Amino acid sequence: MRQNLTGSAAPQADPAAHGRAVEAQALRDLQAALPTGWTLETSIILARGGDADALLITGNGERFALDVKARTDEMDLSAPKGDRAKSWAEIYEQVTLAARQLQAQGVVWQPRTKDTAFTPVGDLWAARGDARALVGALQERTTPQAAASTPHEVLEVSPTATLEDIKAAYRRLAKQYHPDRVASLGPEFRLLAEQRMKQINAAYEALTGR
């Protein structure tokens, strides 16, 4: 007896499952990249409807409501809805609502893009790039140390810190805020990094005389 051996079509990838996988991996990467004192809460259901992929809180208490997207096209509020995806305008509305409920700054994060960028889109911030790029951009954008009033505060050490503590803190901050590390984020962030490095250098000189 002859059988019909016509092959079946390959199963279509599930966009929703792909999106969940990208979100889960991105949040794991972000958790691993968080600076000391930062916290990350995930899968937040909101009281007045909607949800947020994550709430990131910096050591300075600043709050960011994150919406993780697997898509790689640039956020464009005028772009129409695609065959399988919500329009950017719909996403904007949802993230803005979530951010208001969480009393946070809304951030749409696209961790799978090859390029790195961090730009305002209306009331939201659009972040493109991996977890390290996101953390670096948030640090430069918020610059919580900018208002520090003493050299010890600028270098994030206690008033009783030893010379070795001060040197270690200086090396850590100099590496973190070196302008070349944020060059790919655009001139705005490079300028912020340069300003921060001036503060760090001045504080180090004041405490060590060097």
N, C-alpha and C. Protein backbone atom coordinates (compact mmCIF):
# COMPACT_ATOMS: atom_id res chain seq x y z
N MET A 1 0.84 -1.18 0.00
CA MET A 1 0.00 0.00 0.00
C MET A 1 0.88 1.24 0.00
N ARG A 2 0.58 2.14 -0.90
CA ARG A 2 1.40 3.32 -1.05
C ARG A 2 0.91 4.43 -0.12
N GLN A 3 1.83 5.02 0.61
CA GLN A 3 1.45 6.08 1.53
C GLN A 3 1.73 7.45 0.92
N ASN A 4 0.93 8.42 1.34
CA ASN A 4 1.17 9.79 0.91
C ASN A 4 2.23 10.40 1.82
N LEU A 5 3.41 10.66 1.24
CA LEU A 5 4.53 11.14 2.05
C LEU A 5 4.77 12.64 1.88
N THR A 6 3.76 13.36 1.46
CA THR A 6 3.95 14.81 1.30
C THR A 6 4.31 15.43 2.63
N GLY A 7 5.36 16.22 2.62
CA GLY A 7 5.85 16.82 3.87
C GLY A 7 4.94 17.93 4.35
N SER A 8 4.87 18.06 5.64
CA SER A 8 4.08 19.14 6.22
C SER A 8 4.96 20.38 6.36
N ALA A 9 4.33 21.52 6.33
CA ALA A 9 5.07 22.78 6.45
C ALA A 9 5.66 22.90 7.84
N ALA A 10 6.83 23.55 7.93
CA ALA A 10 7.47 23.75 9.23
C ALA A 10 6.59 24.64 10.10
N PRO A 11 6.49 24.33 11.38
CA PRO A 11 5.65 25.13 12.26
C PRO A 11 6.15 26.57 12.34
N GLN A 12 5.19 27.48 12.34
CA GLN A 12 5.52 28.89 12.42
C GLN A 12 5.98 29.25 13.84
N ALA A 13 6.98 30.10 13.93
CA ALA A 13 7.44 30.55 15.23
C ALA A 13 6.34 31.38 15.89
N ASP A 14 6.19 31.21 17.18
CA ASP A 14 5.18 31.93 17.94
C ASP A 14 5.78 33.26 18.39
N PRO A 15 5.30 34.39 17.85
CA PRO A 15 5.88 35.69 18.23
C PRO A 15 5.76 35.97 19.72
N ALA A 16 4.64 35.55 20.32
CA ALA A 16 4.44 35.80 21.75
C ALA A 16 5.46 35.03 22.58
N ALA A 17 5.72 33.77 22.21
CA ALA A 17 6.70 32.97 22.94
C ALA A 17 8.10 33.54 22.77
N HIS A 18 8.40 34.00 21.56
CA HIS A 18 9.70 34.62 21.32
C HIS A 18 9.86 35.87 22.16
N GLY A 19 8.82 36.68 22.23
CA GLY A 19 8.88 37.89 23.03
C GLY A 19 9.10 37.60 24.50
N ARG A 20 8.42 36.57 25.01
CA ARG A 20 8.60 36.20 26.42
C ARG A 20 10.02 35.71 26.70
N ALA A 21 10.56 34.96 25.75
CA ALA A 21 11.93 34.45 25.93
C ALA A 21 12.95 35.58 25.94
N VAL A 22 12.78 36.53 25.02
CA VAL A 22 13.68 37.69 24.97
C VAL A 22 13.57 38.50 26.26
N GLU A 23 12.35 38.72 26.71
CA GLU A 23 12.13 39.47 27.95
C GLU A 23 12.80 38.80 29.14
N ALA A 24 12.59 37.48 29.27
CA ALA A 24 13.15 36.76 30.41
C ALA A 24 14.67 36.82 30.42
N GLN A 25 15.29 36.61 29.25
CA GLN A 25 16.75 36.65 29.18
C GLN A 25 17.27 38.06 29.44
N ALA A 26 16.61 39.06 28.88
CA ALA A 26 17.05 40.44 29.07
C ALA A 26 16.99 40.84 30.54
N LEU A 27 15.95 40.42 31.24
CA LEU A 27 15.83 40.78 32.65
C LEU A 27 16.85 40.03 33.51
N ARG A 28 17.19 38.81 33.11
CA ARG A 28 18.27 38.10 33.82
C ARG A 28 19.60 38.82 33.62
N ASP A 29 19.85 39.25 32.39
CA ASP A 29 21.09 39.98 32.10
C ASP A 29 21.12 41.30 32.87
N LEU A 30 19.97 41.96 32.93
CA LEU A 30 19.90 43.24 33.64
C LEU A 30 20.15 43.05 35.13
N GLN A 31 19.57 42.01 35.71
CA GLN A 31 19.77 41.73 37.13
C GLN A 31 21.26 41.54 37.42
N ALA A 32 21.95 40.85 36.53
CA ALA A 32 23.38 40.60 36.72
C ALA A 32 24.21 41.86 36.55
N ALA A 33 23.69 42.84 35.80
CA ALA A 33 24.46 44.06 35.51
C ALA A 33 24.17 45.20 36.48
N LEU A 34 23.24 45.00 37.41
CA LEU A 34 22.85 46.10 38.28
C LEU A 34 23.98 46.52 39.22
N PRO A 35 24.20 47.81 39.38
CA PRO A 35 25.17 48.29 40.37
C PRO A 35 24.69 47.98 41.78
N THR A 36 25.59 48.01 42.71
CA THR A 36 25.25 47.78 44.12
C THR A 36 24.22 48.81 44.57
N GLY A 37 23.19 48.33 45.25
CA GLY A 37 22.16 49.23 45.76
C GLY A 37 20.96 49.39 44.85
N TRP A 38 21.05 48.92 43.60
CA TRP A 38 19.92 48.98 42.68
C TRP A 38 19.08 47.71 42.85
N THR A 39 17.77 47.82 42.64
CA THR A 39 16.89 46.67 42.75
C THR A 39 16.02 46.56 41.50
N LEU A 40 15.55 45.33 41.25
CA LEU A 40 14.73 45.06 40.07
C LEU A 40 13.57 44.17 40.48
N GLU A 41 12.35 44.66 40.29
CA GLU A 41 11.14 43.86 40.50
C GLU A 41 10.56 43.54 39.14
N THR A 42 10.12 42.30 38.95
CA THR A 42 9.65 41.89 37.63
C THR A 42 8.20 41.43 37.66
N SER A 43 7.58 41.40 36.47
CA SER A 43 6.21 40.90 36.27
C SER A 43 5.23 41.56 37.23
N ILE A 44 5.05 42.86 37.07
CA ILE A 44 4.22 43.65 37.97
C ILE A 44 2.82 43.83 37.39
N ILE A 45 1.81 43.39 38.13
CA ILE A 45 0.42 43.61 37.75
C ILE A 45 -0.06 44.87 38.46
N LEU A 46 -0.64 45.79 37.71
CA LEU A 46 -1.01 47.08 38.25
C LEU A 46 -2.46 47.10 38.73
N ALA A 47 -2.71 47.85 39.78
CA ALA A 47 -4.03 47.86 40.42
C ALA A 47 -5.11 48.41 39.50
N ARG A 48 -4.77 49.41 38.68
CA ARG A 48 -5.76 50.04 37.81
C ARG A 48 -5.69 49.52 36.37
N GLY A 49 -5.21 48.30 36.23
CA GLY A 49 -5.14 47.68 34.91
C GLY A 49 -3.77 47.82 34.27
N GLY A 50 -3.43 46.83 33.47
CA GLY A 50 -2.14 46.85 32.80
C GLY A 50 -1.07 46.17 33.62
N ASP A 51 0.13 46.19 33.11
CA ASP A 51 1.26 45.57 33.80
C ASP A 51 2.55 46.23 33.35
N ALA A 52 3.61 45.88 34.02
CA ALA A 52 4.95 46.35 33.65
C ALA A 52 5.88 45.16 33.70
N ASP A 53 6.79 45.09 32.74
CA ASP A 53 7.74 43.98 32.73
C ASP A 53 8.65 44.04 33.96
N ALA A 54 9.02 45.26 34.36
CA ALA A 54 9.90 45.40 35.51
C ALA A 54 9.88 46.82 36.04
N LEU A 55 10.22 46.94 37.32
CA LEU A 55 10.43 48.24 37.95
C LEU A 55 11.85 48.25 38.47
N LEU A 56 12.66 49.15 37.93
CA LEU A 56 14.06 49.28 38.34
C LEU A 56 14.17 50.50 39.25
N ILE A 57 14.80 50.30 40.41
CA ILE A 57 14.97 51.39 41.37
C ILE A 57 16.46 51.55 41.63
N THR A 58 16.98 52.75 41.40
CA THR A 58 18.41 53.00 41.59
C THR A 58 18.71 53.17 43.08
N GLY A 59 19.99 53.18 43.40
CA GLY A 59 20.39 53.38 44.78
C GLY A 59 20.01 54.74 45.31
N ASN A 60 19.72 55.66 44.40
CA ASN A 60 19.31 57.01 44.77
C ASN A 60 17.79 57.14 44.86
N GLY A 61 17.08 56.02 44.62
CA GLY A 61 15.62 56.02 44.74
C GLY A 61 14.88 56.38 43.47
N GLU A 62 15.58 56.60 42.37
CA GLU A 62 14.90 56.90 41.11
C GLU A 62 14.28 55.62 40.55
N ARG A 63 13.11 55.77 39.94
CA ARG A 63 12.30 54.62 39.55
C ARG A 63 12.09 54.63 38.03
N PHE A 64 12.23 53.44 37.43
CA PHE A 64 12.06 53.28 35.99
C PHE A 64 11.15 52.09 35.72
N ALA A 65 10.04 52.35 35.03
CA ALA A 65 9.14 51.29 34.62
C ALA A 65 9.59 50.80 33.25
N LEU A 66 10.00 49.53 33.17
CA LEU A 66 10.59 48.99 31.94
C LEU A 66 9.59 48.15 31.16
N ASP A 67 9.57 48.36 29.87
CA ASP A 67 8.82 47.51 28.96
C ASP A 67 9.81 46.95 27.96
N VAL A 68 10.01 45.63 27.97
CA VAL A 68 11.03 44.98 27.15
C VAL A 68 10.41 44.53 25.84
N LYS A 69 11.04 44.89 24.73
CA LYS A 69 10.53 44.53 23.42
C LYS A 69 11.58 43.75 22.62
N ALA A 70 11.13 42.65 22.01
CA ALA A 70 12.02 41.84 21.18
C ALA A 70 12.24 42.49 19.82
N ARG A 71 11.32 43.32 19.39
CA ARG A 71 11.43 43.93 18.06
C ARG A 71 12.64 44.85 17.99
N THR A 72 13.13 45.09 16.79
CA THR A 72 14.37 45.85 16.62
C THR A 72 14.17 47.14 15.80
N ASP A 73 12.96 47.38 15.30
CA ASP A 73 12.74 48.62 14.57
C ASP A 73 12.70 49.79 15.56
N GLU A 74 13.08 50.97 15.09
CA GLU A 74 13.12 52.13 15.97
C GLU A 74 11.71 52.56 16.36
N MET A 75 11.56 53.03 17.59
CA MET A 75 10.25 53.46 18.09
C MET A 75 9.76 54.66 17.29
N ASP A 76 8.62 54.50 16.66
CA ASP A 76 8.05 55.53 15.80
C ASP A 76 6.55 55.59 16.07
N LEU A 77 6.09 56.65 16.71
CA LEU A 77 4.68 56.73 17.10
C LEU A 77 3.75 56.88 15.91
N SER A 78 4.29 57.25 14.76
CA SER A 78 3.44 57.40 13.58
C SER A 78 3.33 56.12 12.77
N ALA A 79 4.13 55.11 13.11
CA ALA A 79 4.10 53.86 12.35
C ALA A 79 2.80 53.10 12.63
N PRO A 80 2.17 52.55 11.60
CA PRO A 80 0.92 51.80 11.81
C PRO A 80 1.16 50.45 12.47
N LYS A 81 0.11 49.85 12.93
CA LYS A 81 0.19 48.52 13.54
C LYS A 81 0.63 47.50 12.49
N GLY A 82 1.54 46.61 12.89
CA GLY A 82 2.02 45.58 11.98
C GLY A 82 1.11 44.36 12.00
N ASP A 83 1.47 43.36 11.21
CA ASP A 83 0.65 42.15 11.13
C ASP A 83 0.61 41.41 12.46
N ARG A 84 1.74 41.39 13.17
CA ARG A 84 1.81 40.61 14.40
C ARG A 84 2.13 41.45 15.63
N ALA A 85 2.29 42.74 15.45
CA ALA A 85 2.76 43.56 16.55
C ALA A 85 1.84 44.75 16.77
N LYS A 86 1.80 45.20 18.02
CA LYS A 86 1.08 46.42 18.34
C LYS A 86 1.79 47.60 17.70
N SER A 87 1.06 48.65 17.45
CA SER A 87 1.71 49.85 16.95
C SER A 87 2.52 50.48 18.09
N TRP A 88 3.51 51.27 17.71
CA TRP A 88 4.29 51.97 18.72
C TRP A 88 3.41 52.93 19.52
N ALA A 89 2.39 53.48 18.89
CA ALA A 89 1.48 54.39 19.60
C ALA A 89 0.74 53.65 20.72
N GLU A 90 0.31 52.43 20.43
CA GLU A 90 -0.36 51.62 21.47
C GLU A 90 0.59 51.30 22.61
N ILE A 91 1.82 50.93 22.27
CA ILE A 91 2.82 50.62 23.29
C ILE A 91 3.11 51.86 24.14
N TYR A 92 3.23 53.00 23.48
CA TYR A 92 3.50 54.25 24.18
C TYR A 92 2.41 54.52 25.22
N GLU A 93 1.18 54.37 24.82
CA GLU A 93 0.05 54.62 25.72
C GLU A 93 0.08 53.68 26.93
N GLN A 94 0.35 52.40 26.69
CA GLN A 94 0.36 51.41 27.76
C GLN A 94 1.51 51.65 28.74
N VAL A 95 2.70 51.94 28.20
CA VAL A 95 3.85 52.15 29.07
C VAL A 95 3.70 53.44 29.86
N THR A 96 3.16 54.47 29.24
CA THR A 96 2.93 55.73 29.94
C THR A 96 1.96 55.52 31.10
N LEU A 97 0.90 54.75 30.89
CA LEU A 97 -0.06 54.47 31.95
C LEU A 97 0.60 53.70 33.09
N ALA A 98 1.40 52.69 32.75
CA ALA A 98 2.09 51.90 33.77
C ALA A 98 3.05 52.77 34.57
N ALA A 99 3.78 53.62 33.88
CA ALA A 99 4.76 54.48 34.55
C ALA A 99 4.07 55.42 35.54
N ARG A 100 2.93 55.95 35.16
CA ARG A 100 2.20 56.86 36.07
C ARG A 100 1.76 56.12 37.32
N GLN A 101 1.25 54.91 37.15
CA GLN A 101 0.79 54.15 38.32
C GLN A 101 1.96 53.79 39.24
N LEU A 102 3.11 53.55 38.67
CA LEU A 102 4.28 53.17 39.46
C LEU A 102 5.09 54.38 39.92
N GLN A 103 4.62 55.57 39.53
CA GLN A 103 5.35 56.81 39.84
C GLN A 103 6.81 56.69 39.41
N ALA A 104 6.97 56.32 38.15
CA ALA A 104 8.30 56.05 37.60
C ALA A 104 8.44 56.66 36.22
N GLN A 105 9.66 56.72 35.75
CA GLN A 105 9.93 57.13 34.38
C GLN A 105 9.78 55.90 33.48
N GLY A 106 8.96 56.01 32.46
CA GLY A 106 8.76 54.89 31.56
C GLY A 106 9.92 54.73 30.58
N VAL A 107 10.35 53.48 30.39
CA VAL A 107 11.44 53.18 29.46
C VAL A 107 11.04 51.99 28.60
N VAL A 108 11.03 52.17 27.29
CA VAL A 108 10.85 51.04 26.37
C VAL A 108 12.25 50.56 25.99
N TRP A 109 12.54 49.32 26.33
CA TRP A 109 13.90 48.78 26.16
C TRP A 109 13.91 47.69 25.11
N GLN A 110 14.75 47.85 24.10
CA GLN A 110 14.93 46.86 23.04
C GLN A 110 16.33 46.26 23.16
N PRO A 111 16.48 45.14 23.87
CA PRO A 111 17.82 44.60 24.16
C PRO A 111 18.48 43.86 23.00
N ARG A 112 17.74 43.57 21.93
CA ARG A 112 18.30 42.76 20.85
C ARG A 112 18.82 43.58 19.67
N THR A 113 18.83 44.89 19.77
CA THR A 113 19.29 45.70 18.65
C THR A 113 20.82 45.67 18.56
N LYS A 114 21.33 45.80 17.35
CA LYS A 114 22.78 45.83 17.16
C LYS A 114 23.36 47.19 17.53
N ASP A 115 22.55 48.24 17.34
CA ASP A 115 23.03 49.57 17.68
C ASP A 115 22.65 49.90 19.13
N THR A 116 23.28 50.93 19.66
CA THR A 116 23.01 51.39 21.02
C THR A 116 22.54 52.83 20.97
N ALA A 117 21.40 53.11 21.61
CA ALA A 117 20.89 54.48 21.62
C ALA A 117 20.00 54.65 22.84
N PHE A 118 19.83 55.89 23.26
CA PHE A 118 18.99 56.19 24.41
C PHE A 118 18.40 57.57 24.17
N THR A 119 17.14 57.63 23.75
CA THR A 119 16.56 58.90 23.32
C THR A 119 15.17 59.09 23.91
N PRO A 120 14.78 60.35 24.15
CA PRO A 120 13.41 60.61 24.60
C PRO A 120 12.43 60.47 23.45
N VAL A 121 11.29 59.86 23.74
CA VAL A 121 10.19 59.78 22.79
C VAL A 121 8.94 60.22 23.55
N GLY A 122 8.56 61.46 23.37
CA GLY A 122 7.46 61.99 24.18
C GLY A 122 7.85 61.97 25.66
N ASP A 123 6.98 61.38 26.47
CA ASP A 123 7.24 61.29 27.91
C ASP A 123 8.08 60.07 28.28
N LEU A 124 8.37 59.21 27.31
CA LEU A 124 9.12 57.98 27.59
C LEU A 124 10.57 58.13 27.14
N TRP A 125 11.39 57.15 27.55
CA TRP A 125 12.74 57.02 27.04
C TRP A 125 12.79 55.72 26.24
N ALA A 126 13.42 55.77 25.08
CA ALA A 126 13.60 54.59 24.25
C ALA A 126 15.05 54.16 24.33
N ALA A 127 15.28 52.95 24.82
CA ALA A 127 16.63 52.44 25.02
C ALA A 127 16.87 51.27 24.08
N ARG A 128 17.97 51.33 23.34
CA ARG A 128 18.36 50.27 22.42
C ARG A 128 19.75 49.78 22.82
N GLY A 129 19.90 48.47 22.97
CA GLY A 129 21.19 47.92 23.37
C GLY A 129 21.04 46.95 24.53
N ASP A 130 22.14 46.31 24.91
CA ASP A 130 22.07 45.27 25.92
C ASP A 130 21.95 45.84 27.33
N ALA A 131 21.98 44.96 28.33
CA ALA A 131 21.75 45.37 29.71
C ALA A 131 22.80 46.36 30.20
N ARG A 132 24.06 46.14 29.83
CA ARG A 132 25.12 47.06 30.26
C ARG A 132 24.90 48.44 29.68
N ALA A 133 24.48 48.50 28.41
CA ALA A 133 24.22 49.79 27.78
C ALA A 133 23.08 50.51 28.48
N LEU A 134 22.04 49.75 28.85
CA LEU A 134 20.90 50.35 29.54
C LEU A 134 21.32 50.93 30.88
N VAL A 135 22.04 50.15 31.67
CA VAL A 135 22.49 50.62 32.98
C VAL A 135 23.39 51.85 32.84
N GLY A 136 24.32 51.80 31.89
CA GLY A 136 25.20 52.94 31.68
C GLY A 136 24.44 54.19 31.29
N ALA A 137 23.44 54.03 30.42
CA ALA A 137 22.65 55.17 29.99
C ALA A 137 21.84 55.76 31.15
N LEU A 138 21.27 54.90 31.97
CA LEU A 138 20.50 55.39 33.12
C LEU A 138 21.41 56.10 34.11
N GLN A 139 22.60 55.58 34.32
CA GLN A 139 23.54 56.23 35.24
C GLN A 139 23.91 57.62 34.73
N GLU A 140 24.18 57.72 33.44
CA GLU A 140 24.57 59.01 32.88
C GLU A 140 23.39 59.98 32.83
N ARG A 141 22.20 59.44 32.60
CA ARG A 141 21.01 60.30 32.49
C ARG A 141 20.62 60.89 33.84
N THR A 142 20.73 60.09 34.87
CA THR A 142 20.26 60.52 36.18
C THR A 142 21.35 61.24 36.95
N THR A 143 22.62 60.86 36.75
CA THR A 143 23.77 61.45 37.46
C THR A 143 23.43 61.81 38.89
N PRO A 144 23.09 60.81 39.74
CA PRO A 144 22.67 61.12 41.10
C PRO A 144 23.75 61.77 41.94
N GLN A 145 25.02 61.62 41.53
CA GLN A 145 26.08 62.20 42.33
C GLN A 145 26.36 63.65 41.98
N ALA A 146 25.68 64.19 40.98
CA ALA A 146 26.01 65.53 40.51
C ALA A 146 25.84 66.59 41.59
N ALA A 147 24.91 66.36 42.51
CA ALA A 147 24.64 67.35 43.54
C ALA A 147 25.44 67.11 44.81
N ALA A 148 26.31 66.10 44.81
CA ALA A 148 27.09 65.80 46.00
C ALA A 148 27.92 67.01 46.39
N SER A 149 28.02 67.26 47.70
CA SER A 149 28.62 68.50 48.16
C SER A 149 30.02 68.33 48.73
N THR A 150 30.46 67.11 49.02
CA THR A 150 31.78 66.92 49.59
C THR A 150 32.57 65.93 48.73
N PRO A 151 33.91 66.00 48.78
CA PRO A 151 34.72 65.04 48.01
C PRO A 151 34.42 63.59 48.35
N HIS A 152 34.15 63.31 49.64
CA HIS A 152 33.84 61.93 50.02
C HIS A 152 32.54 61.46 49.36
N GLU A 153 31.56 62.35 49.30
CA GLU A 153 30.29 61.98 48.66
C GLU A 153 30.48 61.77 47.16
N VAL A 154 31.27 62.61 46.53
CA VAL A 154 31.53 62.46 45.10
C VAL A 154 32.15 61.10 44.80
N LEU A 155 33.10 60.69 45.65
CA LEU A 155 33.79 59.41 45.43
C LEU A 155 33.05 58.24 46.06
N GLU A 156 31.92 58.51 46.71
CA GLU A 156 31.07 57.46 47.28
C GLU A 156 31.81 56.66 48.33
N VAL A 157 32.54 57.36 49.20
CA VAL A 157 33.23 56.72 50.31
C VAL A 157 32.84 57.43 51.60
N SER A 158 33.05 56.77 52.72
CA SER A 158 32.72 57.36 54.01
C SER A 158 33.77 58.38 54.41
N PRO A 159 33.43 59.28 55.32
CA PRO A 159 34.42 60.28 55.77
C PRO A 159 35.63 59.65 56.45
N THR A 160 35.51 58.40 56.89
CA THR A 160 36.63 57.71 57.56
C THR A 160 37.41 56.80 56.60
N ALA A 161 37.16 56.93 55.31
CA ALA A 161 37.81 56.06 54.33
C ALA A 161 39.32 56.23 54.36
N THR A 162 40.03 55.13 54.19
CA THR A 162 41.50 55.17 54.14
C THR A 162 41.95 55.63 52.76
N LEU A 163 43.24 55.90 52.64
CA LEU A 163 43.79 56.30 51.35
C LEU A 163 43.58 55.20 50.31
N GLU A 164 43.73 53.96 50.72
CA GLU A 164 43.52 52.84 49.79
C GLU A 164 42.06 52.76 49.36
N ASP A 165 41.12 53.02 50.29
CA ASP A 165 39.70 53.05 49.94
C ASP A 165 39.43 54.14 48.91
N ILE A 166 40.03 55.29 49.11
CA ILE A 166 39.83 56.42 48.19
C ILE A 166 40.39 56.10 46.81
N LYS A 167 41.57 55.50 46.78
CA LYS A 167 42.17 55.13 45.49
C LYS A 167 41.32 54.10 44.76
N ALA A 168 40.81 53.12 45.51
CA ALA A 168 39.98 52.08 44.89
C ALA A 168 38.69 52.68 44.34
N ALA A 169 38.08 53.58 45.11
CA ALA A 169 36.85 54.23 44.65
C ALA A 169 37.10 55.07 43.41
N TYR A 170 38.23 55.77 43.40
CA TYR A 170 38.57 56.59 42.24
C TYR A 170 38.74 55.73 40.98
N ARG A 171 39.46 54.61 41.11
CA ARG A 171 39.66 53.74 39.95
C ARG A 171 38.33 53.19 39.44
N ARG A 172 37.46 52.81 40.36
CA ARG A 172 36.15 52.26 39.97
C ARG A 172 35.32 53.31 39.23
N LEU A 173 35.25 54.51 39.78
CA LEU A 173 34.43 55.56 39.17
C LEU A 173 35.04 56.07 37.86
N ALA A 174 36.37 56.16 37.81
CA ALA A 174 37.02 56.60 36.59
C ALA A 174 36.75 55.64 35.44
N LYS A 175 36.73 54.37 35.76
CA LYS A 175 36.42 53.37 34.74
C LYS A 175 34.95 53.45 34.33
N GLN A 176 34.07 53.65 35.30
CA GLN A 176 32.63 53.68 35.04
C GLN A 176 32.23 54.90 34.22
N TYR A 177 32.83 56.05 34.50
CA TYR A 177 32.40 57.29 33.87
C TYR A 177 33.36 57.80 32.79
N HIS A 178 34.28 56.98 32.37
CA HIS A 178 35.17 57.42 31.30
C HIS A 178 34.33 57.74 30.06
N PRO A 179 34.52 58.92 29.47
CA PRO A 179 33.69 59.32 28.33
C PRO A 179 33.67 58.32 27.18
N ASP A 180 34.76 57.60 26.98
CA ASP A 180 34.80 56.64 25.87
C ASP A 180 33.82 55.49 26.07
N ARG A 181 33.46 55.22 27.33
CA ARG A 181 32.52 54.12 27.60
C ARG A 181 31.10 54.45 27.16
N VAL A 182 30.78 55.74 27.07
CA VAL A 182 29.42 56.13 26.69
C VAL A 182 29.39 56.82 25.33
N ALA A 183 30.49 56.75 24.60
CA ALA A 183 30.56 57.45 23.32
C ALA A 183 29.46 57.01 22.36
N SER A 184 29.12 55.71 22.41
CA SER A 184 28.11 55.19 21.49
C SER A 184 26.71 55.66 21.83
N LEU A 185 26.52 56.22 23.02
CA LEU A 185 25.19 56.67 23.43
C LEU A 185 24.86 58.07 22.93
N GLY A 186 25.84 58.73 22.34
CA GLY A 186 25.59 60.05 21.78
C GLY A 186 26.30 61.16 22.54
N PRO A 187 26.34 62.35 21.95
CA PRO A 187 27.09 63.47 22.55
C PRO A 187 26.55 63.92 23.89
N GLU A 188 25.24 63.77 24.11
CA GLU A 188 24.65 64.20 25.38
C GLU A 188 25.27 63.44 26.54
N PHE A 189 25.40 62.12 26.39
CA PHE A 189 25.91 61.30 27.47
C PHE A 189 27.42 61.45 27.62
N ARG A 190 28.10 61.68 26.51
CA ARG A 190 29.55 61.92 26.60
C ARG A 190 29.81 63.20 27.40
N LEU A 191 29.01 64.24 27.17
CA LEU A 191 29.17 65.48 27.91
C LEU A 191 28.93 65.27 29.40
N LEU A 192 27.88 64.51 29.73
CA LEU A 192 27.59 64.22 31.14
C LEU A 192 28.75 63.46 31.78
N ALA A 193 29.30 62.51 31.04
CA ALA A 193 30.42 61.73 31.57
C ALA A 193 31.64 62.61 31.79
N GLU A 194 31.90 63.53 30.87
CA GLU A 194 33.03 64.44 31.03
C GLU A 194 32.86 65.32 32.26
N GLN A 195 31.62 65.80 32.48
CA GLN A 195 31.35 66.62 33.65
C GLN A 195 31.54 65.83 34.94
N ARG A 196 31.08 64.60 34.90
CA ARG A 196 31.21 63.74 36.08
C ARG A 196 32.69 63.45 36.38
N MET A 197 33.47 63.21 35.33
CA MET A 197 34.90 62.93 35.54
C MET A 197 35.62 64.14 36.13
N LYS A 198 35.20 65.35 35.76
CA LYS A 198 35.80 66.55 36.35
C LYS A 198 35.54 66.57 37.86
N GLN A 199 34.32 66.20 38.26
CA GLN A 199 33.99 66.14 39.69
C GLN A 199 34.83 65.08 40.40
N ILE A 200 34.95 63.93 39.77
CA ILE A 200 35.70 62.82 40.37
C ILE A 200 37.17 63.21 40.53
N ASN A 201 37.76 63.79 39.49
CA ASN A 201 39.17 64.18 39.56
C ASN A 201 39.40 65.26 40.62
N ALA A 202 38.48 66.21 40.70
CA ALA A 202 38.61 67.29 41.69
C ALA A 202 38.50 66.73 43.10
N ALA A 203 37.58 65.79 43.32
CA ALA A 203 37.41 65.20 44.64
C ALA A 203 38.64 64.38 45.04
N TYR A 204 39.17 63.64 44.07
CA TYR A 204 40.36 62.82 44.36
C TYR A 204 41.55 63.71 44.71
N GLU A 205 41.71 64.79 43.97
CA GLU A 205 42.82 65.72 44.25
C GLU A 205 42.65 66.36 45.62
N ALA A 206 41.40 66.70 45.98
CA ALA A 206 41.16 67.33 47.28
C ALA A 206 41.48 66.39 48.44
N LEU A 207 41.23 65.11 48.25
CA LEU A 207 41.43 64.15 49.35
C LEU A 207 42.86 63.60 49.41
N THR A 208 43.55 63.63 48.29
CA THR A 208 44.90 63.03 48.27
C THR A 208 46.00 64.05 48.03
N GLY A 209 45.63 65.23 47.56
CA GLY A 209 46.65 66.22 47.24
C GLY A 209 47.40 65.92 45.97
N ARG A 210 46.80 65.03 45.11
CA ARG A 210 47.49 64.63 43.87
C ARG A 210 46.70 65.09 42.66
